[in-house]
PDB file of N, CA and C in Angstrom:
ATOM      1  N   UNK A   1     -50.772 -22.643 -70.185  1.00  0.00           N
ATOM      2  CA  UNK A   1     -50.502 -21.320 -69.657  1.00  0.00           C
ATOM      3  C   UNK A   1     -51.508 -20.344 -70.251  1.00  0.00           C
ATOM      4  N   UNK A   2     -52.049 -19.509 -69.390  1.00  0.00           N
ATOM      5  CA  UNK A   2     -53.041 -18.537 -69.841  1.00  0.00           C
ATOM      6  C   UNK A   2     -52.355 -17.286 -70.356  1.00  0.00           C
ATOM      7  N   UNK A   3     -52.882 -16.760 -71.407  1.00  0.00           N
ATOM      8  CA  UNK A   3     -52.348 -15.531 -71.985  1.00  0.00           C
ATOM      9  C   UNK A   3     -53.334 -14.412 -71.693  1.00  0.00           C
ATOM     10  N   UNK A   4     -52.845 -13.352 -71.086  1.00  0.00           N
ATOM     11  CA  UNK A   4     -53.710 -12.219 -70.803  1.00  0.00           C
ATOM     12  C   UNK A   4     -53.836 -11.348 -72.039  1.00  0.00           C
ATOM     13  N   UNK A   5     -55.048 -10.954 -72.305  1.00  0.00           N
ATOM     14  CA  UNK A   5     -55.290 -10.099 -73.450  1.00  0.00           C
ATOM     15  C   UNK A   5     -55.409  -8.665 -72.984  1.00  0.00           C
ATOM     16  N   UNK A   6     -54.872  -7.776 -73.758  1.00  0.00           N
ATOM     17  CA  UNK A   6     -54.984  -6.357 -73.437  1.00  0.00           C
ATOM     18  C   UNK A   6     -56.385  -5.882 -73.771  1.00  0.00           C
ATOM     19  N   UNK A   7     -56.957  -5.138 -72.855  1.00  0.00           N
ATOM     20  CA  UNK A   7     -58.269  -4.560 -73.110  1.00  0.00           C
ATOM     21  C   UNK A   7     -58.084  -3.213 -73.773  1.00  0.00           C
ATOM     22  N   UNK A   8     -58.741  -3.025 -74.867  1.00  0.00           N
ATOM     23  CA  UNK A   8     -58.616  -1.757 -75.573  1.00  0.00           C
ATOM     24  C   UNK A   8     -59.752  -0.845 -75.164  1.00  0.00           C
ATOM     25  N   UNK A   9     -59.470   0.414 -75.054  1.00  0.00           N
ATOM     26  CA  UNK A   9     -60.484   1.400 -74.722  1.00  0.00           C
ATOM     27  C   UNK A   9     -61.092   1.940 -76.000  1.00  0.00           C
ATOM     28  N   UNK A  10     -62.396   2.029 -75.999  1.00  0.00           N
ATOM     29  CA  UNK A  10     -63.080   2.548 -77.168  1.00  0.00           C
ATOM     30  C   UNK A  10     -63.151   4.063 -77.074  1.00  0.00           C
ATOM     31  N   UNK A  11     -62.803   4.713 -78.119  1.00  0.00           N
ATOM     32  CA  UNK A  11     -62.836   6.172 -78.162  1.00  0.00           C
ATOM     33  C   UNK A  11     -64.249   6.650 -78.443  1.00  0.00           C
ATOM     34  N   UNK A  12     -64.619   7.727 -77.811  1.00  0.00           N
ATOM     35  CA  UNK A  12     -65.920   8.331 -78.035  1.00  0.00           C
ATOM     36  C   UNK A  12     -65.804   9.243 -79.251  1.00  0.00           C
ATOM     37  N   UNK A  13     -66.517   8.901 -80.292  1.00  0.00           N
ATOM     38  CA  UNK A  13     -66.447   9.658 -81.530  1.00  0.00           C
ATOM     39  C   UNK A  13     -67.792  10.325 -81.768  1.00  0.00           C
ATOM     40  N   UNK A  14     -67.746  11.606 -82.053  1.00  0.00           N
ATOM     41  CA  UNK A  14     -68.971  12.339 -82.299  1.00  0.00           C
ATOM     42  C   UNK A  14     -68.775  13.230 -83.521  1.00  0.00           C
ATOM     43  N   UNK A  15     -69.839  13.368 -84.310  1.00  0.00           N
ATOM     44  CA  UNK A  15     -69.779  14.214 -85.497  1.00  0.00           C
ATOM     45  C   UNK A  15     -69.961  15.688 -85.166  1.00  0.00           C
ATOM     46  N   UNK A  16     -70.561  15.989 -84.020  1.00  0.00           N
ATOM     47  CA  UNK A  16     -70.818  17.381 -83.681  1.00  0.00           C
ATOM     48  C   UNK A  16     -69.996  17.783 -82.465  1.00  0.00           C
ATOM     49  N   UNK A  17     -69.767  19.065 -82.327  1.00  0.00           N
ATOM     50  CA  UNK A  17     -69.038  19.597 -81.184  1.00  0.00           C
ATOM     51  C   UNK A  17     -69.990  19.722 -80.002  1.00  0.00           C
ATOM     52  N   UNK A  18     -69.447  19.600 -78.799  1.00  0.00           N
ATOM     53  CA  UNK A  18     -70.259  19.719 -77.597  1.00  0.00           C
ATOM     54  C   UNK A  18     -70.486  21.187 -77.259  1.00  0.00           C
ATOM     55  N   UNK A  19     -71.657  21.468 -76.728  1.00  0.00           N
ATOM     56  CA  UNK A  19     -71.932  22.833 -76.296  1.00  0.00           C
ATOM     57  C   UNK A  19     -71.345  23.042 -74.902  1.00  0.00           C
ATOM     58  N   UNK A  20     -71.314  24.280 -74.454  1.00  0.00           N
ATOM     59  CA  UNK A  20     -70.747  24.609 -73.156  1.00  0.00           C
ATOM     60  C   UNK A  20     -71.545  23.930 -72.048  1.00  0.00           C
ATOM     61  N   UNK A  21     -72.860  23.915 -72.157  1.00  0.00           N
ATOM     62  CA  UNK A  21     -73.688  23.302 -71.117  1.00  0.00           C
ATOM     63  C   UNK A  21     -73.475  21.784 -71.059  1.00  0.00           C
ATOM     64  N   UNK A  22     -73.236  21.153 -72.199  1.00  0.00           N
ATOM     65  CA  UNK A  22     -72.978  19.716 -72.215  1.00  0.00           C
ATOM     66  C   UNK A  22     -71.642  19.395 -71.548  1.00  0.00           C
ATOM     67  N   UNK A  23     -70.645  20.225 -71.778  1.00  0.00           N
ATOM     68  CA  UNK A  23     -69.339  20.018 -71.153  1.00  0.00           C
ATOM     69  C   UNK A  23     -69.445  20.215 -69.648  1.00  0.00           C
ATOM     70  N   UNK A  24     -70.200  21.230 -69.214  1.00  0.00           N
ATOM     71  CA  UNK A  24     -70.381  21.465 -67.790  1.00  0.00           C
ATOM     72  C   UNK A  24     -71.144  20.312 -67.148  1.00  0.00           C
ATOM     73  N   UNK A  25     -72.100  19.735 -67.858  1.00  0.00           N
ATOM     74  CA  UNK A  25     -72.851  18.601 -67.331  1.00  0.00           C
ATOM     75  C   UNK A  25     -71.945  17.391 -67.134  1.00  0.00           C
ATOM     76  N   UNK A  26     -71.022  17.181 -68.050  1.00  0.00           N
ATOM     77  CA  UNK A  26     -70.075  16.080 -67.916  1.00  0.00           C
ATOM     78  C   UNK A  26     -69.176  16.311 -66.710  1.00  0.00           C
ATOM     79  N   UNK A  27     -68.718  17.535 -66.520  1.00  0.00           N
ATOM     80  CA  UNK A  27     -67.875  17.864 -65.374  1.00  0.00           C
ATOM     81  C   UNK A  27     -68.613  17.680 -64.061  1.00  0.00           C
ATOM     82  N   UNK A  28     -69.884  18.024 -64.015  1.00  0.00           N
ATOM     83  CA  UNK A  28     -70.684  17.837 -62.815  1.00  0.00           C
ATOM     84  C   UNK A  28     -70.865  16.378 -62.475  1.00  0.00           C
ATOM     85  N   UNK A  29     -70.967  15.542 -63.482  1.00  0.00           N
ATOM     86  CA  UNK A  29     -71.122  14.106 -63.270  1.00  0.00           C
ATOM     87  C   UNK A  29     -69.901  13.527 -62.578  1.00  0.00           C
ATOM     88  N   UNK A  30     -68.713  13.967 -62.966  1.00  0.00           N
ATOM     89  CA  UNK A  30     -67.486  13.470 -62.357  1.00  0.00           C
ATOM     90  C   UNK A  30     -67.424  13.839 -60.882  1.00  0.00           C
ATOM     91  N   UNK A  31     -67.876  15.037 -60.529  1.00  0.00           N
ATOM     92  CA  UNK A  31     -67.871  15.462 -59.132  1.00  0.00           C
ATOM     93  C   UNK A  31     -68.845  14.624 -58.309  1.00  0.00           C
ATOM     94  N   UNK A  32     -70.014  14.361 -58.859  1.00  0.00           N
ATOM     95  CA  UNK A  32     -71.008  13.554 -58.152  1.00  0.00           C
ATOM     96  C   UNK A  32     -70.491  12.132 -57.961  1.00  0.00           C
ATOM     97  N   UNK A  33     -69.863  11.598 -58.977  1.00  0.00           N
ATOM     98  CA  UNK A  33     -69.323  10.239 -58.880  1.00  0.00           C
ATOM     99  C   UNK A  33     -68.232  10.168 -57.808  1.00  0.00           C
ATOM    100  N   UNK A  34     -67.372  11.183 -57.731  1.00  0.00           N
ATOM    101  CA  UNK A  34     -66.318  11.209 -56.716  1.00  0.00           C
ATOM    102  C   UNK A  34     -66.923  11.275 -55.314  1.00  0.00           C
ATOM    103  N   UNK A  35     -67.988  12.057 -55.129  1.00  0.00           N
ATOM    104  CA  UNK A  35     -68.650  12.136 -53.831  1.00  0.00           C
ATOM    105  C   UNK A  35     -69.271  10.804 -53.449  1.00  0.00           C
ATOM    106  N   UNK A  36     -69.866  10.115 -54.413  1.00  0.00           N
ATOM    107  CA  UNK A  36     -70.487   8.822 -54.133  1.00  0.00           C
ATOM    108  C   UNK A  36     -69.445   7.803 -53.693  1.00  0.00           C
ATOM    109  N   UNK A  37     -68.291   7.819 -54.321  1.00  0.00           N
ATOM    110  CA  UNK A  37     -67.223   6.894 -53.961  1.00  0.00           C
ATOM    111  C   UNK A  37     -66.736   7.173 -52.548  1.00  0.00           C
ATOM    112  N   UNK A  38     -66.627   8.457 -52.183  1.00  0.00           N
ATOM    113  CA  UNK A  38     -66.182   8.822 -50.842  1.00  0.00           C
ATOM    114  C   UNK A  38     -67.181   8.394 -49.779  1.00  0.00           C
ATOM    115  N   UNK A  39     -68.479   8.425 -50.096  1.00  0.00           N
ATOM    116  CA  UNK A  39     -69.510   8.103 -49.125  1.00  0.00           C
ATOM    117  C   UNK A  39     -69.740   6.606 -48.969  1.00  0.00           C
ATOM    118  N   UNK A  40     -69.258   5.800 -49.889  1.00  0.00           N
ATOM    119  CA  UNK A  40     -69.478   4.358 -49.817  1.00  0.00           C
ATOM    120  C   UNK A  40     -68.673   3.764 -48.657  1.00  0.00           C
ATOM    121  N   UNK A  41     -69.263   2.832 -47.920  1.00  0.00           N
ATOM    122  CA  UNK A  41     -68.514   2.214 -46.816  1.00  0.00           C
ATOM    123  C   UNK A  41     -67.394   1.346 -47.361  1.00  0.00           C
ATOM    124  N   UNK A  42     -66.261   1.437 -46.711  1.00  0.00           N
ATOM    125  CA  UNK A  42     -65.110   0.628 -47.125  1.00  0.00           C
ATOM    126  C   UNK A  42     -65.130  -0.680 -46.360  1.00  0.00           C
ATOM    127  N   UNK A  43     -64.726  -1.756 -46.996  1.00  0.00           N
ATOM    128  CA  UNK A  43     -64.708  -3.035 -46.288  1.00  0.00           C
ATOM    129  C   UNK A  43     -63.664  -3.021 -45.170  1.00  0.00           C
ATOM    130  N   UNK A  44     -64.044  -3.578 -44.037  1.00  0.00           N
ATOM    131  CA  UNK A  44     -63.130  -3.623 -42.897  1.00  0.00           C
ATOM    132  C   UNK A  44     -62.234  -4.846 -43.017  1.00  0.00           C
ATOM    133  N   UNK A  45     -60.979  -4.677 -42.609  1.00  0.00           N
ATOM    134  CA  UNK A  45     -60.033  -5.780 -42.660  1.00  0.00           C
ATOM    135  C   UNK A  45     -60.288  -6.706 -41.474  1.00  0.00           C
ATOM    136  N   UNK A  46     -60.205  -7.982 -41.730  1.00  0.00           N
ATOM    137  CA  UNK A  46     -60.363  -8.955 -40.672  1.00  0.00           C
ATOM    138  C   UNK A  46     -59.027  -9.173 -39.999  1.00  0.00           C
ATOM    139  N   UNK A  47     -59.054  -9.256 -38.711  1.00  0.00           N
ATOM    140  CA  UNK A  47     -57.829  -9.563 -37.975  1.00  0.00           C
ATOM    141  C   UNK A  47     -57.614 -11.062 -38.036  1.00  0.00           C
ATOM    142  N   UNK A  48     -56.379 -11.451 -38.151  1.00  0.00           N
ATOM    143  CA  UNK A  48     -56.083 -12.875 -38.240  1.00  0.00           C
ATOM    144  C   UNK A  48     -56.252 -13.530 -36.871  1.00  0.00           C
ATOM    145  N   UNK A  49     -56.669 -14.779 -36.888  1.00  0.00           N
ATOM    146  CA  UNK A  49     -56.858 -15.546 -35.665  1.00  0.00           C
ATOM    147  C   UNK A  49     -55.921 -16.747 -35.675  1.00  0.00           C
ATOM    148  N   UNK A  50     -55.552 -17.150 -34.496  1.00  0.00           N
ATOM    149  CA  UNK A  50     -54.717 -18.328 -34.333  1.00  0.00           C
ATOM    150  C   UNK A  50     -55.569 -19.568 -34.608  1.00  0.00           C
ATOM    151  N   UNK A  51     -55.048 -20.520 -35.374  1.00  0.00           N
ATOM    152  CA  UNK A  51     -55.816 -21.727 -35.684  1.00  0.00           C
ATOM    153  C   UNK A  51     -55.776 -22.734 -34.532  1.00  0.00           C
ATOM    154  N   UNK A  52     -54.877 -22.537 -33.567  1.00  0.00           N
ATOM    155  CA  UNK A  52     -54.805 -23.451 -32.417  1.00  0.00           C
ATOM    156  C   UNK A  52     -55.762 -23.036 -31.303  1.00  0.00           C
ATOM    157  N   UNK A  53     -55.663 -21.751 -30.893  1.00  0.00           N
ATOM    158  CA  UNK A  53     -56.461 -21.317 -29.750  1.00  0.00           C
ATOM    159  C   UNK A  53     -57.627 -20.414 -30.134  1.00  0.00           C
ATOM    160  N   UNK A  54     -57.628 -19.841 -31.338  1.00  0.00           N
ATOM    161  CA  UNK A  54     -58.737 -19.013 -31.805  1.00  0.00           C
ATOM    162  C   UNK A  54     -58.660 -17.556 -31.393  1.00  0.00           C
ATOM    163  N   UNK A  55     -57.587 -17.147 -30.725  1.00  0.00           N
ATOM    164  CA  UNK A  55     -57.445 -15.754 -30.307  1.00  0.00           C
ATOM    165  C   UNK A  55     -56.895 -14.904 -31.444  1.00  0.00           C
ATOM    166  N   UNK A  56     -57.226 -13.612 -31.400  1.00  0.00           N
ATOM    167  CA  UNK A  56     -56.732 -12.683 -32.417  1.00  0.00           C
ATOM    168  C   UNK A  56     -55.362 -12.151 -32.034  1.00  0.00           C
ATOM    169  N   UNK A  57     -54.622 -11.696 -33.029  1.00  0.00           N
ATOM    170  CA  UNK A  57     -53.370 -11.000 -32.774  1.00  0.00           C
ATOM    171  C   UNK A  57     -52.121 -11.838 -32.954  1.00  0.00           C
ATOM    172  N   UNK A  58     -52.261 -13.130 -33.114  1.00  0.00           N
ATOM    173  CA  UNK A  58     -51.084 -13.948 -33.364  1.00  0.00           C
ATOM    174  C   UNK A  58     -51.480 -15.145 -34.230  1.00  0.00           C
ATOM    175  N   UNK A  59     -50.482 -15.862 -34.702  1.00  0.00           N
ATOM    176  CA  UNK A  59     -50.732 -17.037 -35.553  1.00  0.00           C
ATOM    177  C   UNK A  59     -50.330 -18.299 -34.805  1.00  0.00           C
ATOM    178  N   UNK A  60     -50.583 -19.450 -35.408  1.00  0.00           N
ATOM    179  CA  UNK A  60     -50.262 -20.709 -34.741  1.00  0.00           C
ATOM    180  C   UNK A  60     -48.750 -20.887 -34.534  1.00  0.00           C
ATOM    181  N   UNK A  61     -47.954 -20.236 -35.377  1.00  0.00           N
ATOM    182  CA  UNK A  61     -46.496 -20.338 -35.220  1.00  0.00           C
ATOM    183  C   UNK A  61     -46.007 -19.644 -33.955  1.00  0.00           C
ATOM    184  N   UNK A  62     -46.670 -18.559 -33.592  1.00  0.00           N
ATOM    185  CA  UNK A  62     -46.242 -17.795 -32.421  1.00  0.00           C
ATOM    186  C   UNK A  62     -47.138 -18.031 -31.218  1.00  0.00           C
ATOM    187  N   UNK A  63     -48.010 -19.032 -31.254  1.00  0.00           N
ATOM    188  CA  UNK A  63     -48.939 -19.313 -30.161  1.00  0.00           C
ATOM    189  C   UNK A  63     -48.189 -19.859 -28.950  1.00  0.00           C
ATOM    190  N   UNK A  64     -48.518 -19.319 -27.775  1.00  0.00           N
ATOM    191  CA  UNK A  64     -47.853 -19.770 -26.554  1.00  0.00           C
ATOM    192  C   UNK A  64     -48.638 -20.884 -25.868  1.00  0.00           C
ATOM    193  N   UNK A  65     -49.811 -21.204 -26.362  1.00  0.00           N
ATOM    194  CA  UNK A  65     -50.624 -22.261 -25.714  1.00  0.00           C
ATOM    195  C   UNK A  65     -50.271 -23.624 -26.191  1.00  0.00           C
TER     196      UNK A  65
END
């Protein structure tokens, strides 16, 4: 039996405080990333085909042929 291990997130630790422009740059990056995700093409779902006749929209259990 496989045991799943929890993935731990590493914290970002810095000795200095961020400036206002650095914080704004980080915020801008998140907006750009969100836009890129929206623009990416989504995979289209395949319609199931009957294994007996090859037509779409039904399965071999409900095939009338």
